[in-house]
Amino acid sequence: MATEFYAVGGGDVATTITPGVAGILQVFVDGDKIYDKKEEGNQTPHLNRVKELKAIVKDRLGAAVAADD
């Protein structure tokens, strides 16, 4: 999943993956949680969910670029 985010944002996105206890997997963008494995039935994200998460990252980048202009 980190590779997917890097493909969208390149060096403009900081991606950190830290292993947790009992399979914890959370994804944060700008401090906002966009994915929590526990909240989504302890299921690893499927391809369509990863695409949705990538779109969120892309939207956030677009908003950040627009704010800088």
C-alpha atoms as a PDB file:
ATOM      1  CA  MET A   1       0.000   0.000   0.000  1.00  0.00           C
ATOM      2  CA  ALA A   2       2.912   2.373   0.700  1.00  0.00           C
ATOM      3  CA  THR A   3       4.067   1.864  -2.886  1.00  0.00           C
ATOM      4  CA  GLU A   4       0.616   2.863  -4.119  1.00  0.00           C
ATOM      5  CA  PHE A   5       0.721   6.091  -2.108  1.00  0.00           C
ATOM      6  CA  TYR A   6       4.225   6.861  -3.321  1.00  0.00           C
ATOM      7  CA  ALA A   7       3.063   6.372  -6.910  1.00  0.00           C
ATOM      8  CA  VAL A   8       0.419   9.057  -6.335  1.00  0.00           C
ATOM      9  CA  GLY A   9       2.398  11.573  -4.325  1.00  0.00           C
ATOM     10  CA  GLY A  10       6.065  10.830  -4.923  1.00  0.00           C
ATOM     11  CA  GLY A  11       8.200  12.868  -2.590  1.00  0.00           C
ATOM     12  CA  ASP A  12       5.285  15.145  -1.682  1.00  0.00           C
ATOM     13  CA  VAL A  13       3.753  12.559   0.645  1.00  0.00           C
ATOM     14  CA  ALA A  14       5.342  11.242   3.802  1.00  0.00           C
ATOM     15  CA  THR A  15       4.419   7.591   4.206  1.00  0.00           C
ATOM     16  CA  THR A  16       5.199   5.764   7.410  1.00  0.00           C
ATOM     17  CA  ILE A  17       4.255   2.193   8.118  1.00  0.00           C
ATOM     18  CA  THR A  18       4.778   1.097  11.685  1.00  0.00           C
ATOM     19  CA  PRO A  19       3.933  -2.427  12.752  1.00  0.00           C
ATOM     20  CA  GLY A  20       1.455  -2.648  15.578  1.00  0.00           C
ATOM     21  CA  VAL A  21       0.262  -5.313  17.955  1.00  0.00           C
ATOM     22  CA  ALA A  22      -2.284  -7.861  16.725  1.00  0.00           C
ATOM     23  CA  GLY A  23      -2.296  -6.753  13.088  1.00  0.00           C
ATOM     24  CA  ILE A  24      -3.076  -3.084  13.657  1.00  0.00           C
ATOM     25  CA  LEU A  25      -3.030  -1.140  10.388  1.00  0.00           C
ATOM     26  CA  GLN A  26      -3.949   2.522  10.256  1.00  0.00           C
ATOM     27  CA  VAL A  27      -3.316   5.090   7.537  1.00  0.00           C
ATOM     28  CA  PHE A  28      -3.140   8.813   8.296  1.00  0.00           C
ATOM     29  CA  VAL A  29      -2.909  11.737   5.870  1.00  0.00           C
ATOM     30  CA  ASP A  30      -2.111  15.123   7.370  1.00  0.00           C
ATOM     31  CA  GLY A  31      -3.024  13.748  10.779  1.00  0.00           C
ATOM     32  CA  ASP A  32      -6.451  12.513   9.650  1.00  0.00           C
ATOM     33  CA  LYS A  33      -7.144   8.802   9.808  1.00  0.00           C
ATOM     34  CA  ILE A  34      -8.307   7.587   6.401  1.00  0.00           C
ATOM     35  CA  TYR A  35      -8.104   3.848   7.100  1.00  0.00           C
ATOM     36  CA  ASP A  36      -8.275   1.648  10.172  1.00  0.00           C
ATOM     37  CA  LYS A  37      -8.223  -2.111   9.682  1.00  0.00           C
ATOM     38  CA  LYS A  38     -10.041  -2.710  12.972  1.00  0.00           C
ATOM     39  CA  GLU A  39     -12.859  -0.330  12.017  1.00  0.00           C
ATOM     40  CA  GLU A  40     -13.218  -2.129   8.681  1.00  0.00           C
ATOM     41  CA  GLY A  41     -13.835  -5.597  10.082  1.00  0.00           C
ATOM     42  CA  ASN A  42     -10.153  -6.572  10.462  1.00  0.00           C
ATOM     43  CA  GLN A  43      -9.949  -7.115   6.718  1.00  0.00           C
ATOM     44  CA  THR A  44      -6.847  -6.215   4.734  1.00  0.00           C
ATOM     45  CA  PRO A  45      -7.860  -3.563   2.197  1.00  0.00           C
ATOM     46  CA  HIS A  46      -8.927  -5.024  -1.146  1.00  0.00           C
ATOM     47  CA  LEU A  47      -7.943  -3.468  -4.464  1.00  0.00           C
ATOM     48  CA  ASN A  48     -10.980  -1.184  -4.714  1.00  0.00           C
ATOM     49  CA  ARG A  49     -10.423   0.094  -1.158  1.00  0.00           C
ATOM     50  CA  VAL A  50      -6.760   0.813  -1.931  1.00  0.00           C
ATOM     51  CA  LYS A  51      -7.896   2.778  -5.002  1.00  0.00           C
ATOM     52  CA  GLU A  52     -10.249   4.803  -2.787  1.00  0.00           C
ATOM     53  CA  LEU A  53      -7.410   5.539  -0.362  1.00  0.00           C
ATOM     54  CA  LYS A  54      -5.142   6.583  -3.241  1.00  0.00           C
ATOM     55  CA  ALA A  55      -7.858   8.976  -4.435  1.00  0.00           C
ATOM     56  CA  ILE A  56      -8.014  10.531  -0.960  1.00  0.00           C
ATOM     57  CA  VAL A  57      -4.238  11.048  -0.988  1.00  0.00           C
ATOM     58  CA  LYS A  58      -4.409  12.554  -4.484  1.00  0.00           C
ATOM     59  CA  ASP A  59      -7.236  14.906  -3.453  1.00  0.00           C
ATOM     60  CA  ARG A  60      -5.283  16.064  -0.398  1.00  0.00           C
ATOM     61  CA  LEU A  61      -2.228  16.746  -2.550  1.00  0.00           C
ATOM     62  CA  GLY A  62      -4.345  18.705  -5.013  1.00  0.00           C
ATOM     63  CA  ALA A  63      -5.812  20.768  -2.190  1.00  0.00           C
ATOM     64  CA  ALA A  64      -2.346  21.449  -0.762  1.00  0.00           C
ATOM     65  CA  VAL A  65      -1.031  22.578  -4.157  1.00  0.00           C
ATOM     66  CA  ALA A  66      -4.078  24.821  -4.673  1.00  0.00           C
ATOM     67  CA  ALA A  67      -3.570  26.373  -1.230  1.00  0.00           C
ATOM     68  CA  ASP A  68       0.074  27.136  -2.076  1.00  0.00           C
ATOM     69  CA  ASP A  69      -0.935  29.000  -5.271  1.00  0.00           C
END
